[in-house]
C-alpha atoms as a PDB file:
ATOM      1  CA  MET A   1      -0.104  -0.053   0.250  1.00  0.00           C
ATOM      2  CA  LEU A   2       2.910   2.098   0.430  1.00  0.00           C
ATOM      3  CA  ARG A   3       4.497   1.373  -2.860  1.00  0.00           C
ATOM      4  CA  PRO A   4       6.901   4.489  -3.516  1.00  0.00           C
ATOM      5  CA  SER A   5       5.596   7.082  -5.814  1.00  0.00           C
ATOM      6  CA  ALA A   6       6.020  11.027  -6.173  1.00  0.00           C
ATOM      7  CA  GLU A   7       2.432  11.398  -4.863  1.00  0.00           C
ATOM      8  CA  VAL A   8       2.406   8.828  -1.940  1.00  0.00           C
ATOM      9  CA  ASN A   9       5.886  10.437  -0.655  1.00  0.00           C
ATOM     10  CA  GLU A  10       4.555  13.583  -0.592  1.00  0.00           C
ATOM     11  CA  VAL A  11       1.609  12.537   1.347  1.00  0.00           C
ATOM     12  CA  VAL A  12       3.187  10.471   3.708  1.00  0.00           C
ATOM     13  CA  GLY A  13       5.742  13.456   4.328  1.00  0.00           C
ATOM     14  CA  GLY A  14       2.837  15.389   4.891  1.00  0.00           C
ATOM     15  CA  VAL A  15       1.457  13.055   7.331  1.00  0.00           C
ATOM     16  CA  LEU A  16       4.491  12.471   9.598  1.00  0.00           C
ATOM     17  CA  ALA A  17       5.450  15.841   9.506  1.00  0.00           C
ATOM     18  CA  ARG A  18       1.885  17.040  10.723  1.00  0.00           C
ATOM     19  CA  ALA A  19       1.668  13.907  13.110  1.00  0.00           C
ATOM     20  CA  VAL A  20       5.288  15.450  14.694  1.00  0.00           C
ATOM     21  CA  GLN A  21       3.740  18.769  15.038  1.00  0.00           C
ATOM     22  CA  GLN A  22       0.507  17.781  16.603  1.00  0.00           C
ATOM     23  CA  SER A  23       2.798  16.213  19.199  1.00  0.00           C
ATOM     24  CA  SER A  24       3.443  19.792  20.492  1.00  0.00           C
ATOM     25  CA  GLY A  25       7.010  18.865  21.600  1.00  0.00           C
ATOM     26  CA  THR A  26       6.548  15.722  22.982  1.00  0.00           C
ATOM     27  CA  ILE A  27       7.782  13.519  19.958  1.00  0.00           C
ATOM     28  CA  ARG A  28      11.354  14.080  18.614  1.00  0.00           C
ATOM     29  CA  LEU A  29      12.085  12.334  15.283  1.00  0.00           C
ATOM     30  CA  HIS A  30      15.241  11.295  14.660  1.00  0.00           C
ATOM     31  CA  ALA A  31      15.006   8.583  11.684  1.00  0.00           C
ATOM     32  CA  PHE A  32      12.465   7.414   9.353  1.00  0.00           C
ATOM     33  CA  THR A  33      12.245   5.209   6.628  1.00  0.00           C
ATOM     34  CA  PHE A  34       8.815   4.001   4.380  1.00  0.00           C
ATOM     35  CA  ALA A  35       9.377   0.674   2.811  1.00  0.00           C
ATOM     36  CA  SER A  36       6.548  -0.428   0.470  1.00  0.00           C
ATOM     37  CA  ASN A  37       4.481  -2.218   3.338  1.00  0.00           C
ATOM     38  CA  HIS A  38       6.068  -1.194   6.435  1.00  0.00           C
ATOM     39  CA  PHE A  39       8.064   1.507   8.032  1.00  0.00           C
ATOM     40  CA  HIS A  40      10.685   2.203  10.864  1.00  0.00           C
ATOM     41  CA  LEU A  41      10.731   5.080  13.021  1.00  0.00           C
ATOM     42  CA  LEU A  42      13.538   6.187  15.406  1.00  0.00           C
ATOM     43  CA  VAL A  43      11.912   8.679  17.902  1.00  0.00           C
ATOM     44  CA  TRP A  44      12.305  10.178  21.435  1.00  0.00           C
ATOM     45  CA  ALA A  45       8.927  10.243  23.240  1.00  0.00           C
ATOM     46  CA  ARG A  46       7.706  12.029  26.115  1.00  0.00           C
ATOM     47  CA  GLY A  47       5.691   9.930  28.808  1.00  0.00           C
ATOM     48  CA  ALA A  48       2.706   8.109  26.804  1.00  0.00           C
ATOM     49  CA  ALA A  49       2.819  10.354  23.975  1.00  0.00           C
ATOM     50  CA  LEU A  50       3.886   7.599  21.326  1.00  0.00           C
ATOM     51  CA  THR A  51       0.563   6.160  21.629  1.00  0.00           C
ATOM     52  CA  SER A  52      -1.429   8.991  20.538  1.00  0.00           C
ATOM     53  CA  PHE A  53       1.282  10.004  17.799  1.00  0.00           C
ATOM     54  CA  MET A  54       1.184   6.704  16.371  1.00  0.00           C
ATOM     55  CA  GLN A  55      -2.530   6.268  16.467  1.00  0.00           C
ATOM     56  CA  TYR A  56      -2.852   9.686  14.480  1.00  0.00           C
ATOM     57  CA  LEU A  57       0.345   8.464  11.923  1.00  0.00           C
ATOM     58  CA  ARG A  58      -1.289   5.321  11.205  1.00  0.00           C
ATOM     59  CA  SER A  59      -5.084   6.423  10.917  1.00  0.00           C
ATOM     60  CA  ASN A  60      -4.254   9.369   8.501  1.00  0.00           C
ATOM     61  CA  LEU A  61      -1.759   7.124   6.589  1.00  0.00           C
ATOM     62  CA  SER A  62      -4.460   4.657   5.976  1.00  0.00           C
ATOM     63  CA  LYS A  63      -7.028   7.344   5.115  1.00  0.00           C
ATOM     64  CA  LYS A  64      -5.017   9.324   2.912  1.00  0.00           C
ATOM     65  CA  VAL A  65      -2.393   6.912   0.931  1.00  0.00           C
ATOM     66  CA  GLY A  66      -5.570   4.553   0.579  1.00  0.00           C
ATOM     67  CA  ARG A  67      -7.403   7.412  -1.404  1.00  0.00           C
ATOM     68  CA  LEU A  68      -4.296   7.489  -4.108  1.00  0.00           C
ATOM     69  CA  VAL A  69      -3.882   3.481  -3.972  1.00  0.00           C
ATOM     70  CA  ASP A  70      -7.991   2.583  -4.238  1.00  0.00           C
ATOM     71  CA  TRP A  71      -8.401   0.825  -0.670  1.00  0.00           C
ATOM     72  CA  SER A  72     -10.503   1.573   2.618  1.00  0.00           C
ATOM     73  CA  GLY A  73      -9.949   0.392   5.874  1.00  0.00           C
ATOM     74  CA  GLY A  74      -6.494  -0.007   7.752  1.00  0.00           C
ATOM     75  CA  PHE A  75      -3.368  -0.991   6.187  1.00  0.00           C
ATOM     76  CA  TRP A  76      -1.741  -3.281   8.967  1.00  0.00           C
ATOM     77  CA  GLU A  77      -2.733  -6.351  10.371  1.00  0.00           C
ATOM     78  CA  ARG A  78      -1.487  -5.934  14.362  1.00  0.00           C
ATOM     79  CA  ARG A  79      -0.680  -3.245  16.367  1.00  0.00           C
ATOM     80  CA  TYR A  80       2.818  -1.077  16.148  1.00  0.00           C
ATOM     81  CA  SER A  81       5.945  -2.332  18.038  1.00  0.00           C
ATOM     82  CA  ALA A  82       7.678  -0.023  20.180  1.00  0.00           C
ATOM     83  CA  GLU A  83      11.025  -1.105  21.671  1.00  0.00           C
ATOM     84  CA  PRO A  84      13.570   0.908  24.023  1.00  0.00           C
ATOM     85  CA  VAL A  85      16.879   1.531  22.655  1.00  0.00           C
ATOM     86  CA  LEU A  86      18.972   1.426  25.896  1.00  0.00           C
ATOM     87  CA  ASP A  87      22.350   2.503  24.881  1.00  0.00           C
ATOM     88  CA  ASP A  88      24.120   4.663  22.460  1.00  0.00           C
ATOM     89  CA  THR A  89      25.965   2.092  20.569  1.00  0.00           C
ATOM     90  CA  ALA A  90      22.637   0.530  20.265  1.00  0.00           C
ATOM     91  CA  LEU A  91      21.406   3.730  19.198  1.00  0.00           C
ATOM     92  CA  VAL A  92      23.496   4.142  16.413  1.00  0.00           C
ATOM     93  CA  GLY A  93      23.226   0.456  15.298  1.00  0.00           C
ATOM     94  CA  ARG A  94      19.283   1.291  15.126  1.00  0.00           C
ATOM     95  CA  LEU A  95      19.897   4.376  12.647  1.00  0.00           C
ATOM     96  CA  ARG A  96      22.187   1.888  10.416  1.00  0.00           C
ATOM     97  CA  TYR A  97      19.215  -0.304  10.303  1.00  0.00           C
ATOM     98  CA  VAL A  98      16.902   2.254   9.094  1.00  0.00           C
ATOM     99  CA  LEU A  99      19.141   3.465   6.585  1.00  0.00           C
ATOM    100  CA  ALA A 100      19.934   0.047   5.449  1.00  0.00           C
ATOM    101  CA  HIS A 101      16.452  -0.435   4.320  1.00  0.00           C
ATOM    102  CA  GLY A 102      15.889  -0.912   0.620  1.00  0.00           C
ATOM    103  CA  VAL A 103      19.329  -2.149   0.326  1.00  0.00           C
ATOM    104  CA  LYS A 104      19.886  -5.126   2.490  1.00  0.00           C
ATOM    105  CA  GLU A 105      16.352  -6.640   1.048  1.00  0.00           C
ATOM    106  CA  GLY A 106      18.331  -6.606  -2.422  1.00  0.00           C
ATOM    107  CA  LEU A 107      15.860  -3.819  -3.938  1.00  0.00           C
ATOM    108  CA  VAL A 108      18.597  -1.384  -4.722  1.00  0.00           C
ATOM    109  CA  GLU A 109      22.082  -1.072  -4.814  1.00  0.00           C
ATOM    110  CA  ARG A 110      22.858   2.177  -2.907  1.00  0.00           C
ATOM    111  CA  CYS A 111      20.689   3.583   0.119  1.00  0.00           C
ATOM    112  CA  ALA A 112      20.105   6.968  -2.102  1.00  0.00           C
ATOM    113  CA  GLU A 113      18.379   4.910  -4.827  1.00  0.00           C
ATOM    114  CA  TRP A 114      15.245   4.093  -2.876  1.00  0.00           C
ATOM    115  CA  PRO A 115      12.435   5.591  -4.222  1.00  0.00           C
ATOM    116  CA  GLY A 116      10.431   5.684  -1.222  1.00  0.00           C
ATOM    117  CA  LEU A 117      10.421   8.234   1.743  1.00  0.00           C
ATOM    118  CA  THR A 118      13.470   8.156   3.598  1.00  0.00           C
ATOM    119  CA  CYS A 119      15.281  10.513   6.333  1.00  0.00           C
ATOM    120  CA  LEU A 120      19.015   9.784   4.634  1.00  0.00           C
ATOM    121  CA  PRO A 121      18.728  13.389   2.340  1.00  0.00           C
ATOM    122  CA  GLN A 122      17.877  15.144   5.662  1.00  0.00           C
ATOM    123  CA  LEU A 123      21.025  13.729   7.455  1.00  0.00           C
ATOM    124  CA  LEU A 124      23.158  14.538   4.768  1.00  0.00           C
ATOM    125  CA  GLY A 125      21.754  17.880   3.896  1.00  0.00           C
ATOM    126  CA  PRO A 126      19.215  20.027   5.427  1.00  0.00           C
ATOM    127  CA  ALA A 127      17.654  18.689   8.349  1.00  0.00           C
ATOM    128  CA  ARG A 128      14.144  20.585   7.836  1.00  0.00           C
ATOM    129  CA  ARG A 129      12.126  19.563   4.401  1.00  0.00           C
ATOM    130  CA  LEU A 130       8.588  21.014   3.478  1.00  0.00           C
ATOM    131  CA  PHE A 131       6.015  18.642   2.762  1.00  0.00           C
ATOM    132  CA  GLN A 132       1.794  19.029   2.019  1.00  0.00           C
ATOM    133  CA  TRP A 133      -0.405  18.213   4.236  1.00  0.00           C
ATOM    134  CA  PHE A 134      -3.996  17.885   2.618  1.00  0.00           C
ATOM    135  CA  ASN A 135      -6.516  19.660   5.086  1.00  0.00           C
ATOM    136  CA  TRP A 136      -9.424  17.687   4.665  1.00  0.00           C
ATOM    137  CA  THR A 137     -11.455  19.657   7.573  1.00  0.00           C
ATOM    138  CA  LYS A 138     -10.674  22.527   5.664  1.00  0.00           C
ATOM    139  CA  ARG A 139     -12.529  20.960   2.471  1.00  0.00           C
ATOM    140  CA  TRP A 140     -15.420  19.438   4.652  1.00  0.00           C
ATOM    141  CA  ASN A 141     -16.309  22.730   6.323  1.00  0.00           C
ATOM    142  CA  LYS A 142     -16.315  24.284   2.616  1.00  0.00           C
ATOM    143  CA  ARG A 143     -18.712  21.916   1.227  1.00  0.00           C
ATOM    144  CA  GLY A 144     -21.542  23.529  -0.539  1.00  0.00           C
ATOM    145  CA  SER A 145     -20.055  26.959  -1.037  1.00  0.00           C
ATOM    146  CA  GLU A 146     -19.248  28.990  -3.886  1.00  0.00           C
ATOM    147  CA  ASP A 147     -15.125  28.263  -3.100  1.00  0.00           C
ATOM    148  CA  MET A 148     -15.866  24.538  -4.124  1.00  0.00           C
ATOM    149  CA  ALA A 149     -17.109  25.632  -7.977  1.00  0.00           C
ATOM    150  CA  GLY A 150     -14.281  23.544 -10.123  1.00  0.00           C
ATOM    151  CA  VAL A 151     -12.394  21.979  -7.198  1.00  0.00           C
ATOM    152  CA  GLN A 152     -11.884  18.219  -7.714  1.00  0.00           C
ATOM    153  CA  GLY A 153     -10.496  15.602  -5.253  1.00  0.00           C
ATOM    154  CA  ARG A 154      -9.309  15.435  -1.975  1.00  0.00           C
ATOM    155  CA  PHE A 155      -5.714  16.182  -3.071  1.00  0.00           C
ATOM    156  CA  ALA A 156      -6.597  19.559  -4.833  1.00  0.00           C
ATOM    157  CA  GLN A 157      -4.077  22.258  -4.223  1.00  0.00           C
ATOM    158  CA  GLN A 158      -6.459  24.446  -2.434  1.00  0.00           C
ATOM    159  CA  TRP A 159      -6.625  22.125   0.782  1.00  0.00           C
ATOM    160  CA  ALA A 160      -2.857  21.868   0.691  1.00  0.00           C
ATOM    161  CA  GLU A 161      -1.065  23.343   3.600  1.00  0.00           C
ATOM    162  CA  PRO A 162       2.881  23.457   3.928  1.00  0.00           C
ATOM    163  CA  VAL A 163       4.423  21.554   7.348  1.00  0.00           C
ATOM    164  CA  GLU A 164       7.621  21.626   7.753  1.00  0.00           C
ATOM    165  CA  LEU A 165       9.420  18.154   8.905  1.00  0.00           C
ATOM    166  CA  GLU A 166      12.657  17.873  10.888  1.00  0.00           C
ATOM    167  CA  VAL A 167      14.979  15.332  11.769  1.00  0.00           C
ATOM    168  CA  ALA A 168      16.884  16.017  15.329  1.00  0.00           C
ATOM    169  CA  PRO A 169      20.275  14.785  15.785  1.00  0.00           C
ATOM    170  CA  LEU A 170      20.960  11.546  17.639  1.00  0.00           C
ATOM    171  CA  PRO A 171      21.217  12.519  21.328  1.00  0.00           C
ATOM    172  CA  CYS A 172      24.842  10.837  21.168  1.00  0.00           C
ATOM    173  CA  TRP A 173      25.986  13.074  18.773  1.00  0.00           C
ATOM    174  CA  LYS A 174      24.441  16.374  19.619  1.00  0.00           C
ATOM    175  CA  GLY A 175      28.111  17.480  21.054  1.00  0.00           C
ATOM    176  CA  LEU A 176      29.382  16.581  17.083  1.00  0.00           C
ATOM    177  CA  GLY A 177      29.308  19.156  14.507  1.00  0.00           C
ATOM    178  CA  GLU A 178      27.158  19.035  11.543  1.00  0.00           C
ATOM    179  CA  ALA A 179      30.160  17.717   9.183  1.00  0.00           C
ATOM    180  CA  GLU A 180      30.916  15.417  11.856  1.00  0.00           C
ATOM    181  CA  ARG A 181      27.513  13.844  11.900  1.00  0.00           C
ATOM    182  CA  ARG A 182      27.200  13.703   8.330  1.00  0.00           C
ATOM    183  CA  ARG A 183      30.218  12.267   8.216  1.00  0.00           C
ATOM    184  CA  ALA A 184      29.262   9.627  10.463  1.00  0.00           C
ATOM    185  CA  VAL A 185      25.985   8.878   8.543  1.00  0.00           C
ATOM    186  CA  ARG A 186      28.002   8.522   5.407  1.00  0.00           C
ATOM    187  CA  GLY A 187      30.277   6.011   7.229  1.00  0.00           C
ATOM    188  CA  LEU A 188      27.334   4.201   7.820  1.00  0.00           C
ATOM    189  CA  VAL A 189      25.762   3.838   4.357  1.00  0.00           C
ATOM    190  CA  GLU A 190      29.214   2.880   3.309  1.00  0.00           C
ATOM    191  CA  GLU A 191      29.004  -0.279   5.578  1.00  0.00           C
ATOM    192  CA  VAL A 192      25.824  -0.975   4.353  1.00  0.00           C
ATOM    193  CA  GLU A 193      26.494  -0.798   0.685  1.00  0.00           C
ATOM    194  CA  ALA A 194      29.839  -2.688   1.333  1.00  0.00           C
ATOM    195  CA  GLU A 195      27.769  -5.542   2.962  1.00  0.00           C
ATOM    196  CA  ALA A 196      25.469  -6.069   0.176  1.00  0.00           C
ATOM    197  CA  ARG A 197      28.128  -5.670  -2.600  1.00  0.00           C
ATOM    198  CA  ALA A 198      29.966  -8.796  -0.676  1.00  0.00           C
ATOM    199  CA  ARG A 199      26.510 -10.845  -1.048  1.00  0.00           C
ATOM    200  CA  ASP A 200      26.974 -10.324  -5.123  1.00  0.00           C
ATOM    201  CA  LYS A 201      23.145 -10.745  -5.747  1.00  0.00           C
ATOM    202  CA  PRO A 202      21.191  -8.921  -8.477  1.00  0.00           C
ATOM    203  CA  VAL A 203      18.906  -6.136  -7.209  1.00  0.00           C
ATOM    204  CA  LEU A 204      15.430  -5.533  -8.348  1.00  0.00           C
ATOM    205  CA  GLY A 205      15.860  -1.874  -9.020  1.00  0.00           C
ATOM    206  CA  ALA A 206      14.150   1.379  -8.128  1.00  0.00           C
ATOM    207  CA  ARG A 207      12.062   0.975 -11.396  1.00  0.00           C
ATOM    208  CA  SER A 208      10.492  -2.463 -10.265  1.00  0.00           C
ATOM    209  CA  VAL A 209       9.811  -1.149  -7.134  1.00  0.00           C
ATOM    210  CA  ARG A 210       7.535   1.517  -8.458  1.00  0.00           C
ATOM    211  CA  ALA A 211       6.209  -0.757 -10.803  1.00  0.00           C
ATOM    212  CA  GLN A 212       4.669  -3.167  -8.506  1.00  0.00           C
ATOM    213  CA  HIS A 213       0.694  -2.788  -8.016  1.00  0.00           C
ATOM    214  CA  PRO A 214      -0.242  -1.609  -4.458  1.00  0.00           C
ATOM    215  CA  HIS A 215      -2.536  -4.294  -3.839  1.00  0.00           C
ATOM    216  CA  THR A 216       0.229  -6.983  -4.163  1.00  0.00           C
ATOM    217  CA  ARG A 217       0.835  -9.240  -1.594  1.00  0.00           C
ATOM    218  CA  PRO A 218       4.426 -11.138  -0.912  1.00  0.00           C
ATOM    219  CA  GLU A 219       3.836 -15.014  -1.301  1.00  0.00           C
ATOM    220  CA  ARG A 220       5.474 -15.475   2.145  1.00  0.00           C
ATOM    221  CA  LEU A 221       5.099 -13.143   5.088  1.00  0.00           C
ATOM    222  CA  LYS A 222       8.221 -12.657   7.433  1.00  0.00           C
ATOM    223  CA  ARG A 223       6.954 -13.372  11.020  1.00  0.00           C
ATOM    224  CA  SER A 224       9.931 -12.696  13.083  1.00  0.00           C
ATOM    225  CA  PRO A 225       9.519 -12.113  16.653  1.00  0.00           C
ATOM    226  CA  ARG A 226       9.588  -8.419  18.164  1.00  0.00           C
ATOM    227  CA  PRO A 227      12.740  -7.945  20.611  1.00  0.00           C
ATOM    228  CA  LEU A 228      11.766  -6.391  24.009  1.00  0.00           C
ATOM    229  CA  GLY A 229      14.351  -3.739  23.372  1.00  0.00           C
ATOM    230  CA  HIS A 230      17.899  -2.814  21.635  1.00  0.00           C
ATOM    231  CA  ALA A 231      21.026  -2.698  23.541  1.00  0.00           C
ATOM    232  CA  SER A 232      24.777  -3.399  22.927  1.00  0.00           C
ATOM    233  CA  THR A 233      25.202  -5.593  25.780  1.00  0.00           C
ATOM    234  CA  CYS A 234      23.365  -8.835  27.392  1.00  0.00           C
ATOM    235  CA  GLN A 235      23.571  -7.025  30.826  1.00  0.00           C
ATOM    236  CA  ALA A 236      21.398  -4.026  29.633  1.00  0.00           C
ATOM    237  CA  LEU A 237      18.898  -6.595  28.202  1.00  0.00           C
ATOM    238  CA  ARG A 238      18.787  -8.484  31.423  1.00  0.00           C
ATOM    239  CA  GLU A 239      18.018  -5.377  33.645  1.00  0.00           C
ATOM    240  CA  LEU A 240      15.398  -4.483  31.119  1.00  0.00           C
ATOM    241  CA  ARG A 241      13.680  -7.898  31.399  1.00  0.00           C
ATOM    242  CA  GLU A 242      13.765  -7.895  34.981  1.00  0.00           C
ATOM    243  CA  GLN A 243      12.104  -4.117  34.925  1.00  0.00           C
ATOM    244  CA  TYR A 244       9.432  -5.761  32.751  1.00  0.00           C
ATOM    245  CA  ARG A 245       8.446  -8.422  34.942  1.00  0.00           C
ATOM    246  CA  ALA A 246       8.199  -5.928  37.958  1.00  0.00           C
ATOM    247  CA  PHE A 247       5.959  -4.044  36.143  1.00  0.00           C
ATOM    248  CA  VAL A 248       4.046  -6.919  35.092  1.00  0.00           C
ATOM    249  CA  ALA A 249       3.645  -8.056  38.750  1.00  0.00           C
ATOM    250  CA  VAL A 250       2.741  -5.023  40.024  1.00  0.00           C
ATOM    251  CA  PHE A 251       0.000  -4.256  37.419  1.00  0.00           C
ATOM    252  CA  ARG A 252      -1.502  -7.678  38.213  1.00  0.00           C
ATOM    253  CA  GLU A 253      -1.815  -7.024  41.714  1.00  0.00           C
ATOM    254  CA  ALA A 254      -3.694  -3.786  40.978  1.00  0.00           C
ATOM    255  CA  ALA A 255      -5.789  -5.236  38.386  1.00  0.00           C
ATOM    256  CA  ALA A 256      -6.894  -8.106  41.006  1.00  0.00           C
ATOM    257  CA  ARG A 257      -7.817  -5.665  43.353  1.00  0.00           C
ATOM    258  CA  TRP A 258      -9.512  -3.422  40.549  1.00  0.00           C
ATOM    259  CA  ARG A 259     -11.712  -6.020  39.556  1.00  0.00           C
ATOM    260  CA  GLN A 260     -12.644  -6.571  42.805  1.00  0.00           C
ATOM    261  CA  GLY A 261     -13.987  -3.304  43.648  1.00  0.00           C
ATOM    262  CA  ASP A 262     -11.089  -1.494  45.005  1.00  0.00           C
ATOM    263  CA  PHE A 263     -10.530   1.587  42.625  1.00  0.00           C
ATOM    264  CA  SER A 264      -7.760   2.767  45.061  1.00  0.00           C
ATOM    265  CA  ALA A 265      -5.348   0.569  43.527  1.00  0.00           C
ATOM    266  CA  PRO A 266      -2.279   2.189  42.351  1.00  0.00           C
ATOM    267  CA  PHE A 267      -1.613   1.098  38.859  1.00  0.00           C
ATOM    268  CA  PRO A 268       2.204   1.578  37.405  1.00  0.00           C
ATOM    269  CA  LEU A 269       3.120   4.663  35.251  1.00  0.00           C
ATOM    270  CA  PHE A 270       1.850   4.599  31.589  1.00  0.00           C
ATOM    271  CA  SER A 271      -0.583   1.311  32.346  1.00  0.00           C
ATOM    272  CA  PHE A 272      -4.333   0.855  31.871  1.00  0.00           C
ATOM    273  CA  PRO A 273      -6.734  -0.645  34.234  1.00  0.00           C
ATOM    274  CA  PRO A 274      -8.926  -2.988  33.079  1.00  0.00           C
ATOM    275  CA  ARG A 275     -12.446  -2.803  32.092  1.00  0.00           C
ATOM    276  CA  VAL A 276     -14.831  -3.383  34.716  1.00  0.00           C
ATOM    277  CA  VAL A 277     -18.699  -4.288  34.245  1.00  0.00           C
ATOM    278  CA  PRO A 278     -20.810  -2.789  36.753  1.00  0.00           C
ATOM    279  CA  GLY A 279     -23.047  -5.823  38.427  1.00  0.00           C
ATOM    280  CA  GLY A 280     -20.473  -8.276  38.012  1.00  0.00           C
ATOM    281  CA  VAL A 281     -19.403 -10.692  35.217  1.00  0.00           C
ATOM    282  CA  ALA A 282     -20.793  -9.934  31.758  1.00  0.00           C
ATOM    283  CA  ARG A 283     -22.830 -12.360  30.352  1.00  0.00           C
ATOM    284  CA  ILE A 284     -22.148 -12.815  26.583  1.00  0.00           C
ATOM    285  CA  LEU A 285     -25.065 -13.653  24.439  1.00  0.00           C
END
């Protein structure tokens, strides 16, 4: 559904920029890449802001890109996956993973050749980029007015509003100058492309990627398990696992008290109390 094209890239960029803008500073975007059937983001989020950010982003991608590819409904079968990045080495590794998309799958030879939306131009050039956000609320409010005469489609320029998308430097690179950060990014790209050349396999090519039909499904879907987190040491992952187990234990204890009617039970931060049906257990008819 996200098969790269000039129109899809512009709409996706506008939706992503609008989602970051709507977060009012609770989301910082460090890296992104959009493949034909999924995307990856590297973000910093304050508190529980990630949940509303992802809800806004995914729903608007489904609505707006869906109009371009003749699809109604959601694009993804399961909820998004968000894993913490625990140290600076792992953070740079995650950036490398994002930049490798398109090359590591054998779709293009070089990272810059990927035809989909990617943060690479912003990491190697100006950090800010303008996209168009198509304001369908404005279009709805104008329905029936004289201004609508002659205006066709949800992607008419009358509904387009410029919105700026900024890619923030990695926290571990804040002390580096702009030239040093770009040199570090080029180093990651060179590593990715060298590994791809060593495999010595033919690539599909950007033209063939763009020629695919948006409704095409792969013959086999990759269902890899989601990691608990990303870290450069086993010790950091063990500590994260212990923290998560403690979180689950506190939540289960509070949930048991909640279901018994003790609504003063404290839940751990960023968790949600279970639904309680008044009058006891609900009957399913």
